[in-house]
Amino acid sequence: MQGPASNWVILAEGGEFTLIDGGYPNDTPLVLESIRQVGLDPRAAQAMLITHGHVDHTGAANYFAQHFDVPVLSSAQEHRQVLGLESFQVTPAQVILRAWRPAVFRWMRHVLRAGGAQGTQVPTAQRWDAEQLAKLPGAPVAIPTPGHTPGHTAFLLPQSETLISGDALITGHALSSHHGPQMLHPMFHHHAQWTQNSLERPGQLSASLILPGHGGAFEGTPHEAVLEAATRRWRRRVASPSPASGQAQRLEKSQPLPIGGIALP
């Protein structure tokens, strides 16, 4: 389900389902509506899995925990952030420095309207384990992809050859002019090098569909998506010499552009 700014995933089996992520706090009515639109009762959720503890992915978590007694689960490394005891969000200072750019200002305005200032705090959140995940609708397999946050996790659905990539690999964002596999702007990442390294693992997985945390679905293999995202990481046009020459290739790699199609400082 593609929300106004971030996505969530419903894994249905019979009348039960697993919910992965849940938009911003003010997206909760949209999350509930989307569940009913596919013929499910929100009370039939068996668990809500959190790819990472950013507020644009945990917004509906408290509602499901409090109203439906649904377990809210994350990786052990992400647990304290989901509880609200730690925060690895982009800082207000990082945003304010860039707020003069129209795209950043529009994005910041949406964050505030969507309840982003509330932050993440799910007091009843728990840690998952592999055995627990295997029993849930969809039987998602956790794929650790730290970097965007310390405990960021993607999910592989082997039976449907689908990768739920969270924010480790996206296909669009309010700050991006590009549509297609890419990475978020570096200011959103807790550890930039970990984020780059974590791209290697999804690229080795067998899947034919990618459901990202932001942007539309990508029909193709993780290897193809990672290759396209990596190509954008290094793309830089050089007037001369010819792009086919070794010198031009070295220049391209020595002058990387930021991911996301908008050259923020």
C-alpha atoms as a PDB file:
ATOM      1  CA  MET A   1       0.000   0.000   0.000  1.00  0.00           C
ATOM      2  CA  GLN A   2       1.562   3.274  -1.150  1.00  0.00           C
ATOM      3  CA  GLY A   3       0.755   6.005   1.357  1.00  0.00           C
ATOM      4  CA  PRO A   4       1.070   9.777   0.985  1.00  0.00           C
ATOM      5  CA  ALA A   5       4.760   9.687   1.905  1.00  0.00           C
ATOM      6  CA  SER A   6       5.677   6.125   2.957  1.00  0.00           C
ATOM      7  CA  ASN A   7       4.378   2.623   2.381  1.00  0.00           C
ATOM      8  CA  TRP A   8       3.057  -0.319   4.365  1.00  0.00           C
ATOM      9  CA  VAL A   9       2.544  -3.962   3.400  1.00  0.00           C
ATOM     10  CA  ILE A  10      -0.303  -6.363   4.201  1.00  0.00           C
ATOM     11  CA  LEU A  11       0.537 -10.085   4.093  1.00  0.00           C
ATOM     12  CA  ALA A  12      -2.791 -11.926   4.059  1.00  0.00           C
ATOM     13  CA  GLU A  13      -3.480 -15.621   4.555  1.00  0.00           C
ATOM     14  CA  GLY A  14      -7.147 -16.503   4.810  1.00  0.00           C
ATOM     15  CA  GLY A  15      -8.744 -13.977   7.122  1.00  0.00           C
ATOM     16  CA  GLU A  16      -5.547 -13.170   9.027  1.00  0.00           C
ATOM     17  CA  PHE A  17      -2.662 -10.895   8.105  1.00  0.00           C
ATOM     18  CA  THR A  18       0.709  -9.480   9.056  1.00  0.00           C
ATOM     19  CA  LEU A  19       1.163  -5.718   8.769  1.00  0.00           C
ATOM     20  CA  ILE A  20       4.632  -4.416   7.932  1.00  0.00           C
ATOM     21  CA  ASP A  21       5.139  -0.740   8.851  1.00  0.00           C
ATOM     22  CA  GLY A  22       2.332   1.786   9.226  1.00  0.00           C
ATOM     23  CA  GLY A  23       3.037   5.240   7.813  1.00  0.00           C
ATOM     24  CA  TYR A  24       2.987   8.455   9.837  1.00  0.00           C
ATOM     25  CA  PRO A  25       0.707   8.776  12.915  1.00  0.00           C
ATOM     26  CA  ASN A  26      -1.940  10.660  10.927  1.00  0.00           C
ATOM     27  CA  ASP A  27      -1.873   7.942   8.242  1.00  0.00           C
ATOM     28  CA  THR A  28      -3.534   5.495  10.653  1.00  0.00           C
ATOM     29  CA  PRO A  29      -7.041   5.965   9.170  1.00  0.00           C
ATOM     30  CA  LEU A  30      -5.578   5.234   5.728  1.00  0.00           C
ATOM     31  CA  VAL A  31      -3.901   2.080   7.047  1.00  0.00           C
ATOM     32  CA  LEU A  32      -7.210   0.861   8.516  1.00  0.00           C
ATOM     33  CA  GLU A  33      -9.085   1.713   5.319  1.00  0.00           C
ATOM     34  CA  SER A  34      -6.564  -0.144   3.152  1.00  0.00           C
ATOM     35  CA  ILE A  35      -6.940  -3.268   5.287  1.00  0.00           C
ATOM     36  CA  ARG A  36     -10.717  -3.171   4.943  1.00  0.00           C
ATOM     37  CA  GLN A  37     -10.427  -2.546   1.192  1.00  0.00           C
ATOM     38  CA  VAL A  38      -8.735  -5.929   0.733  1.00  0.00           C
ATOM     39  CA  GLY A  39     -11.515  -7.622   2.685  1.00  0.00           C
ATOM     40  CA  LEU A  40      -9.823  -7.952   6.057  1.00  0.00           C
ATOM     41  CA  ASP A  41     -10.788  -6.960   9.574  1.00  0.00           C
ATOM     42  CA  PRO A  42      -8.040  -4.829  11.234  1.00  0.00           C
ATOM     43  CA  ARG A  43      -8.597  -6.849  14.408  1.00  0.00           C
ATOM     44  CA  ALA A  44      -7.326  -9.943  12.553  1.00  0.00           C
ATOM     45  CA  ALA A  45      -3.744  -8.653  12.508  1.00  0.00           C
ATOM     46  CA  GLN A  46      -1.423 -11.281  13.972  1.00  0.00           C
ATOM     47  CA  ALA A  47       1.523  -8.910  14.300  1.00  0.00           C
ATOM     48  CA  MET A  48       2.874  -5.590  13.101  1.00  0.00           C
ATOM     49  CA  LEU A  49       6.489  -5.781  11.987  1.00  0.00           C
ATOM     50  CA  ILE A  50       8.650  -2.655  11.949  1.00  0.00           C
ATOM     51  CA  THR A  51      11.430  -2.390   9.361  1.00  0.00           C
ATOM     52  CA  HIS A  52      12.896   0.454  11.429  1.00  0.00           C
ATOM     53  CA  GLY A  53      11.810   2.880  14.112  1.00  0.00           C
ATOM     54  CA  HIS A  54      11.388   6.102  12.135  1.00  0.00           C
ATOM     55  CA  VAL A  55       8.075   7.837  12.735  1.00  0.00           C
ATOM     56  CA  ASP A  56       7.032   7.609   9.065  1.00  0.00           C
ATOM     57  CA  HIS A  57       6.950   3.815   9.442  1.00  0.00           C
ATOM     58  CA  THR A  58       5.676   3.363  13.004  1.00  0.00           C
ATOM     59  CA  GLY A  59       2.721   5.759  12.978  1.00  0.00           C
ATOM     60  CA  ALA A  60      -0.042   3.156  13.288  1.00  0.00           C
ATOM     61  CA  ALA A  61       1.839   0.934  15.736  1.00  0.00           C
ATOM     62  CA  ASN A  62       0.416   2.320  18.971  1.00  0.00           C
ATOM     63  CA  TYR A  63      -3.119   2.205  17.597  1.00  0.00           C
ATOM     64  CA  PHE A  64      -2.871  -1.489  16.718  1.00  0.00           C
ATOM     65  CA  ALA A  65      -1.193  -2.296  20.032  1.00  0.00           C
ATOM     66  CA  GLN A  66      -3.730  -0.413  22.158  1.00  0.00           C
ATOM     67  CA  HIS A  67      -6.975  -1.059  20.271  1.00  0.00           C
ATOM     68  CA  PHE A  68      -6.426  -4.586  18.935  1.00  0.00           C
ATOM     69  CA  ASP A  69      -3.707  -5.934  21.284  1.00  0.00           C
ATOM     70  CA  VAL A  70      -1.506  -6.643  18.253  1.00  0.00           C
ATOM     71  CA  PRO A  71       2.163  -7.448  18.999  1.00  0.00           C
ATOM     72  CA  VAL A  72       4.469  -4.762  17.561  1.00  0.00           C
ATOM     73  CA  LEU A  73       7.771  -6.437  16.719  1.00  0.00           C
ATOM     74  CA  SER A  74      11.192  -5.193  15.624  1.00  0.00           C
ATOM     75  CA  SER A  75      14.747  -6.438  15.495  1.00  0.00           C
ATOM     76  CA  ALA A  76      16.677  -6.469  18.760  1.00  0.00           C
ATOM     77  CA  GLN A  77      18.962  -3.680  17.499  1.00  0.00           C
ATOM     78  CA  GLU A  78      15.951  -1.476  16.692  1.00  0.00           C
ATOM     79  CA  HIS A  79      13.978  -2.230  19.844  1.00  0.00           C
ATOM     80  CA  ARG A  80      15.053   0.780  21.925  1.00  0.00           C
ATOM     81  CA  GLN A  81      14.198   3.181  19.115  1.00  0.00           C
ATOM     82  CA  VAL A  82      10.720   1.675  18.735  1.00  0.00           C
ATOM     83  CA  LEU A  83      10.240   2.009  22.494  1.00  0.00           C
ATOM     84  CA  GLY A  84      11.156   5.675  22.194  1.00  0.00           C
ATOM     85  CA  LEU A  85      14.313   5.384  24.307  1.00  0.00           C
ATOM     86  CA  GLU A  86      16.653   6.248  21.423  1.00  0.00           C
ATOM     87  CA  SER A  87      16.278   8.198  18.204  1.00  0.00           C
ATOM     88  CA  PHE A  88      18.162   7.909  14.931  1.00  0.00           C
ATOM     89  CA  GLN A  89      15.950  10.330  12.967  1.00  0.00           C
ATOM     90  CA  VAL A  90      17.228  13.149  10.791  1.00  0.00           C
ATOM     91  CA  THR A  91      17.750  16.114  13.133  1.00  0.00           C
ATOM     92  CA  PRO A  92      15.785  19.385  12.938  1.00  0.00           C
ATOM     93  CA  ALA A  93      19.082  21.213  12.340  1.00  0.00           C
ATOM     94  CA  GLN A  94      19.823  19.091   9.268  1.00  0.00           C
ATOM     95  CA  VAL A  95      16.410  19.930   7.839  1.00  0.00           C
ATOM     96  CA  ILE A  96      16.445  23.642   8.720  1.00  0.00           C
ATOM     97  CA  LEU A  97      19.767  24.119   6.936  1.00  0.00           C
ATOM     98  CA  ARG A  98      18.067  22.915   3.736  1.00  0.00           C
ATOM     99  CA  ALA A  99      14.559  24.282   4.297  1.00  0.00           C
ATOM    100  CA  TRP A 100      15.122  27.123   1.812  1.00  0.00           C
ATOM    101  CA  ARG A 101      14.878  24.565  -0.983  1.00  0.00           C
ATOM    102  CA  PRO A 102      11.255  24.232  -2.147  1.00  0.00           C
ATOM    103  CA  ALA A 103      11.279  20.418  -2.167  1.00  0.00           C
ATOM    104  CA  VAL A 104      12.648  20.272   1.376  1.00  0.00           C
ATOM    105  CA  PHE A 105      10.172  22.880   2.624  1.00  0.00           C
ATOM    106  CA  ARG A 106       7.217  20.987   1.110  1.00  0.00           C
ATOM    107  CA  TRP A 107       8.470  17.718   2.587  1.00  0.00           C
ATOM    108  CA  MET A 108       8.948  19.274   6.035  1.00  0.00           C
ATOM    109  CA  ARG A 109       5.440  20.770   5.919  1.00  0.00           C
ATOM    110  CA  HIS A 110       3.975  17.340   5.137  1.00  0.00           C
ATOM    111  CA  VAL A 111       5.948  15.726   7.979  1.00  0.00           C
ATOM    112  CA  LEU A 112       4.455  18.175  10.477  1.00  0.00           C
ATOM    113  CA  ARG A 113       0.920  17.766   9.134  1.00  0.00           C
ATOM    114  CA  ALA A 114       1.266  13.982   9.221  1.00  0.00           C
ATOM    115  CA  GLY A 115       2.204  13.961  12.906  1.00  0.00           C
ATOM    116  CA  GLY A 116       5.923  13.455  12.378  1.00  0.00           C
ATOM    117  CA  ALA A 117       6.819  15.721  15.307  1.00  0.00           C
ATOM    118  CA  GLN A 118       5.347  13.127  17.681  1.00  0.00           C
ATOM    119  CA  GLY A 119       8.288  10.786  17.173  1.00  0.00           C
ATOM    120  CA  THR A 120       8.175   7.056  17.830  1.00  0.00           C
ATOM    121  CA  GLN A 121       7.094   5.621  21.168  1.00  0.00           C
ATOM    122  CA  VAL A 122       5.521   2.156  21.395  1.00  0.00           C
ATOM    123  CA  PRO A 123       5.783   1.096  25.071  1.00  0.00           C
ATOM    124  CA  THR A 124       4.551  -2.454  24.431  1.00  0.00           C
ATOM    125  CA  ALA A 125       6.929  -3.174  21.544  1.00  0.00           C
ATOM    126  CA  GLN A 126       8.729  -6.522  21.546  1.00  0.00           C
ATOM    127  CA  ARG A 127      11.654  -8.160  19.757  1.00  0.00           C
ATOM    128  CA  TRP A 128      10.941 -10.810  17.156  1.00  0.00           C
ATOM    129  CA  ASP A 129      12.737 -14.122  16.614  1.00  0.00           C
ATOM    130  CA  ALA A 130      12.986 -16.225  13.447  1.00  0.00           C
ATOM    131  CA  GLU A 131      10.664 -18.949  14.735  1.00  0.00           C
ATOM    132  CA  GLN A 132       8.004 -16.366  15.582  1.00  0.00           C
ATOM    133  CA  LEU A 133       8.227 -14.766  12.122  1.00  0.00           C
ATOM    134  CA  ALA A 134       7.923 -18.138  10.384  1.00  0.00           C
ATOM    135  CA  LYS A 135       4.503 -18.702  11.990  1.00  0.00           C
ATOM    136  CA  LEU A 136       3.051 -15.377  10.848  1.00  0.00           C
ATOM    137  CA  PRO A 137       0.912 -14.919   7.703  1.00  0.00           C
ATOM    138  CA  GLY A 138       3.332 -14.589   4.802  1.00  0.00           C
ATOM    139  CA  ALA A 139       6.171 -16.228   6.782  1.00  0.00           C
ATOM    140  CA  PRO A 140       8.502 -13.232   6.257  1.00  0.00           C
ATOM    141  CA  VAL A 141      12.234 -13.872   6.565  1.00  0.00           C
ATOM    142  CA  ALA A 142      14.157 -11.046   8.258  1.00  0.00           C
ATOM    143  CA  ILE A 143      17.136  -9.714   6.287  1.00  0.00           C
ATOM    144  CA  PRO A 144      19.329  -7.448   8.462  1.00  0.00           C
ATOM    145  CA  THR A 145      20.223  -4.278   6.527  1.00  0.00           C
ATOM    146  CA  PRO A 146      21.733  -1.866   9.097  1.00  0.00           C
ATOM    147  CA  GLY A 147      22.817   1.623   8.172  1.00  0.00           C
ATOM    148  CA  HIS A 148      19.702   3.683   7.639  1.00  0.00           C
ATOM    149  CA  THR A 149      19.188   2.854  11.314  1.00  0.00           C
ATOM    150  CA  PRO A 150      21.241   0.437  13.456  1.00  0.00           C
ATOM    151  CA  GLY A 151      18.611  -2.316  13.307  1.00  0.00           C
ATOM    152  CA  HIS A 152      16.973  -1.693   9.940  1.00  0.00           C
ATOM    153  CA  THR A 153      15.538  -4.914   8.497  1.00  0.00           C
ATOM    154  CA  ALA A 154      14.231  -5.924   5.077  1.00  0.00           C
ATOM    155  CA  PHE A 155      11.952  -8.941   4.608  1.00  0.00           C
ATOM    156  CA  LEU A 156      12.047 -11.686   2.017  1.00  0.00           C
ATOM    157  CA  LEU A 157       8.897 -13.604   1.064  1.00  0.00           C
ATOM    158  CA  PRO A 158      10.375 -16.729  -0.585  1.00  0.00           C
ATOM    159  CA  GLN A 159       7.071 -18.202  -1.756  1.00  0.00           C
ATOM    160  CA  SER A 160       6.058 -15.092  -3.681  1.00  0.00           C
ATOM    161  CA  GLU A 161       9.623 -14.076  -4.651  1.00  0.00           C
ATOM    162  CA  THR A 162       9.111 -10.647  -3.089  1.00  0.00           C
ATOM    163  CA  LEU A 163      11.545  -8.424  -1.210  1.00  0.00           C
ATOM    164  CA  ILE A 164      10.202  -5.786   1.184  1.00  0.00           C
ATOM    165  CA  SER A 165      13.173  -3.437   1.260  1.00  0.00           C
ATOM    166  CA  GLY A 166      12.071  -0.741   3.723  1.00  0.00           C
ATOM    167  CA  ASP A 167      14.353   2.290   3.437  1.00  0.00           C
ATOM    168  CA  ALA A 168      17.491   0.331   2.559  1.00  0.00           C
ATOM    169  CA  LEU A 169      16.430   0.642  -1.093  1.00  0.00           C
ATOM    170  CA  ILE A 170      13.630   2.898  -2.319  1.00  0.00           C
ATOM    171  CA  THR A 171      12.158   3.933  -5.685  1.00  0.00           C
ATOM    172  CA  GLY A 172      11.043   7.488  -4.954  1.00  0.00           C
ATOM    173  CA  HIS A 173      10.897  10.225  -2.338  1.00  0.00           C
ATOM    174  CA  ALA A 174       9.624  13.779  -1.909  1.00  0.00           C
ATOM    175  CA  LEU A 175      13.217  15.042  -2.095  1.00  0.00           C
ATOM    176  CA  SER A 176      14.015  13.083  -5.233  1.00  0.00           C
ATOM    177  CA  SER A 177      13.350  13.976  -8.857  1.00  0.00           C
ATOM    178  CA  HIS A 178      14.165  10.411  -9.888  1.00  0.00           C
ATOM    179  CA  HIS A 179      11.751   7.493 -10.086  1.00  0.00           C
ATOM    180  CA  GLY A 180      13.378   4.088  -9.843  1.00  0.00           C
ATOM    181  CA  PRO A 181      15.741   2.185  -7.531  1.00  0.00           C
ATOM    182  CA  GLN A 182      17.816   4.573  -5.452  1.00  0.00           C
ATOM    183  CA  MET A 183      18.938   5.333  -1.925  1.00  0.00           C
ATOM    184  CA  LEU A 184      17.651   8.048   0.358  1.00  0.00           C
ATOM    185  CA  HIS A 185      19.629  11.253   0.707  1.00  0.00           C
ATOM    186  CA  PRO A 186      22.626  10.670   3.041  1.00  0.00           C
ATOM    187  CA  MET A 187      21.246  12.984   5.730  1.00  0.00           C
ATOM    188  CA  PHE A 188      18.573  10.372   6.492  1.00  0.00           C
ATOM    189  CA  HIS A 189      21.092   7.605   7.268  1.00  0.00           C
ATOM    190  CA  HIS A 190      22.535   6.818  10.682  1.00  0.00           C
ATOM    191  CA  HIS A 191      25.706   5.351   9.147  1.00  0.00           C
ATOM    192  CA  ALA A 192      26.331   6.007   5.444  1.00  0.00           C
ATOM    193  CA  GLN A 193      28.947   3.280   4.958  1.00  0.00           C
ATOM    194  CA  TRP A 194      26.812   0.632   6.647  1.00  0.00           C
ATOM    195  CA  THR A 195      23.962   1.643   4.359  1.00  0.00           C
ATOM    196  CA  GLN A 196      26.141   1.167   1.290  1.00  0.00           C
ATOM    197  CA  ASN A 197      27.405  -2.180   2.576  1.00  0.00           C
ATOM    198  CA  SER A 198      23.861  -3.372   3.318  1.00  0.00           C
ATOM    199  CA  LEU A 199      22.929  -3.026  -0.349  1.00  0.00           C
ATOM    200  CA  GLU A 200      25.085  -6.054  -1.094  1.00  0.00           C
ATOM    201  CA  ARG A 201      22.855  -8.479   0.788  1.00  0.00           C
ATOM    202  CA  PRO A 202      19.534  -7.721  -0.982  1.00  0.00           C
ATOM    203  CA  GLY A 203      21.420  -7.839  -4.271  1.00  0.00           C
ATOM    204  CA  GLN A 204      22.180 -11.509  -3.644  1.00  0.00           C
ATOM    205  CA  LEU A 205      18.584 -12.524  -2.916  1.00  0.00           C
ATOM    206  CA  SER A 206      16.221 -14.320  -5.273  1.00  0.00           C
ATOM    207  CA  ALA A 207      13.109 -12.229  -5.929  1.00  0.00           C
ATOM    208  CA  SER A 208      11.223 -10.734  -8.849  1.00  0.00           C
ATOM    209  CA  LEU A 209       9.340  -7.938  -7.066  1.00  0.00           C
ATOM    210  CA  ILE A 210      10.547  -5.261  -4.654  1.00  0.00           C
ATOM    211  CA  LEU A 211       8.206  -3.358  -2.331  1.00  0.00           C
ATOM    212  CA  PRO A 212      10.123  -0.325  -0.990  1.00  0.00           C
ATOM    213  CA  GLY A 213       9.454   1.916   1.971  1.00  0.00           C
ATOM    214  CA  HIS A 214       9.034   4.906  -0.356  1.00  0.00           C
ATOM    215  CA  GLY A 215       7.970   4.942  -3.995  1.00  0.00           C
ATOM    216  CA  GLY A 216       6.218   2.425  -6.198  1.00  0.00           C
ATOM    217  CA  ALA A 217       6.852  -1.295  -6.555  1.00  0.00           C
ATOM    218  CA  PHE A 218       9.780  -2.377  -8.732  1.00  0.00           C
ATOM    219  CA  GLU A 219       9.351  -5.360 -11.019  1.00  0.00           C
ATOM    220  CA  GLY A 220      12.787  -6.885 -11.375  1.00  0.00           C
ATOM    221  CA  THR A 221      15.440  -8.661  -9.375  1.00  0.00           C
ATOM    222  CA  PRO A 222      17.172  -7.178  -6.329  1.00  0.00           C
ATOM    223  CA  HIS A 223      20.431  -7.426  -8.272  1.00  0.00           C
ATOM    224  CA  GLU A 224      19.009  -5.218 -11.032  1.00  0.00           C
ATOM    225  CA  ALA A 225      17.621  -2.738  -8.499  1.00  0.00           C
ATOM    226  CA  VAL A 226      20.875  -2.531  -6.540  1.00  0.00           C
ATOM    227  CA  LEU A 227      22.864  -2.085  -9.747  1.00  0.00           C
ATOM    228  CA  GLU A 228      20.628   0.818 -10.826  1.00  0.00           C
ATOM    229  CA  ALA A 229      20.853   2.430  -7.391  1.00  0.00           C
ATOM    230  CA  ALA A 230      24.645   2.050  -7.369  1.00  0.00           C
ATOM    231  CA  THR A 231      24.884   3.525 -10.869  1.00  0.00           C
ATOM    232  CA  ARG A 232      23.032   6.609  -9.698  1.00  0.00           C
ATOM    233  CA  ARG A 233      25.443   6.858  -6.795  1.00  0.00           C
ATOM    234  CA  TRP A 234      28.376   7.411  -9.159  1.00  0.00           C
ATOM    235  CA  ARG A 235      26.731   9.062 -12.190  1.00  0.00           C
ATOM    236  CA  ARG A 236      28.379  12.273 -13.320  1.00  0.00           C
ATOM    237  CA  ARG A 237      28.568  13.566 -16.888  1.00  0.00           C
ATOM    238  CA  VAL A 238      32.016  14.748 -17.985  1.00  0.00           C
ATOM    239  CA  ALA A 239      32.293  16.933 -21.090  1.00  0.00           C
ATOM    240  CA  SER A 240      35.525  15.369 -22.336  1.00  0.00           C
ATOM    241  CA  PRO A 241      37.255  13.070 -22.983  1.00  0.00           C
ATOM    242  CA  SER A 242      34.962  10.444 -24.464  1.00  0.00           C
ATOM    243  CA  PRO A 243      32.826   8.518 -21.887  1.00  0.00           C
ATOM    244  CA  ALA A 244      34.310   5.311 -23.271  1.00  0.00           C
ATOM    245  CA  SER A 245      37.804   6.207 -22.128  1.00  0.00           C
ATOM    246  CA  GLY A 246      39.360   5.049 -18.901  1.00  0.00           C
ATOM    247  CA  GLN A 247      40.056   8.641 -17.891  1.00  0.00           C
ATOM    248  CA  ALA A 248      36.388   9.567 -18.126  1.00  0.00           C
ATOM    249  CA  GLN A 249      35.423   6.544 -16.050  1.00  0.00           C
ATOM    250  CA  ARG A 250      37.870   7.554 -13.352  1.00  0.00           C
ATOM    251  CA  LEU A 251      36.474  11.086 -13.341  1.00  0.00           C
ATOM    252  CA  GLU A 252      32.952   9.748 -12.955  1.00  0.00           C
ATOM    253  CA  LYS A 253      33.890   7.749  -9.905  1.00  0.00           C
ATOM    254  CA  SER A 254      35.871  10.580  -8.344  1.00  0.00           C
ATOM    255  CA  GLN A 255      32.914  12.978  -8.440  1.00  0.00           C
ATOM    256  CA  PRO A 256      29.925  11.158  -6.948  1.00  0.00           C
ATOM    257  CA  LEU A 257      26.517  12.831  -6.868  1.00  0.00           C
ATOM    258  CA  PRO A 258      24.180  12.482  -3.893  1.00  0.00           C
ATOM    259  CA  ILE A 259      21.532   9.790  -4.178  1.00  0.00           C
ATOM    260  CA  GLY A 260      18.011  10.912  -4.874  1.00  0.00           C
ATOM    261  CA  GLY A 261      18.319  13.355  -7.750  1.00  0.00           C
ATOM    262  CA  ILE A 262      18.593  16.551  -5.663  1.00  0.00           C
ATOM    263  CA  ALA A 263      22.049  17.848  -4.853  1.00  0.00           C
ATOM    264  CA  LEU A 264      21.571  18.897  -1.244  1.00  0.00           C
ATOM    265  CA  PRO A 265      24.700  20.077   0.579  1.00  0.00           C
END
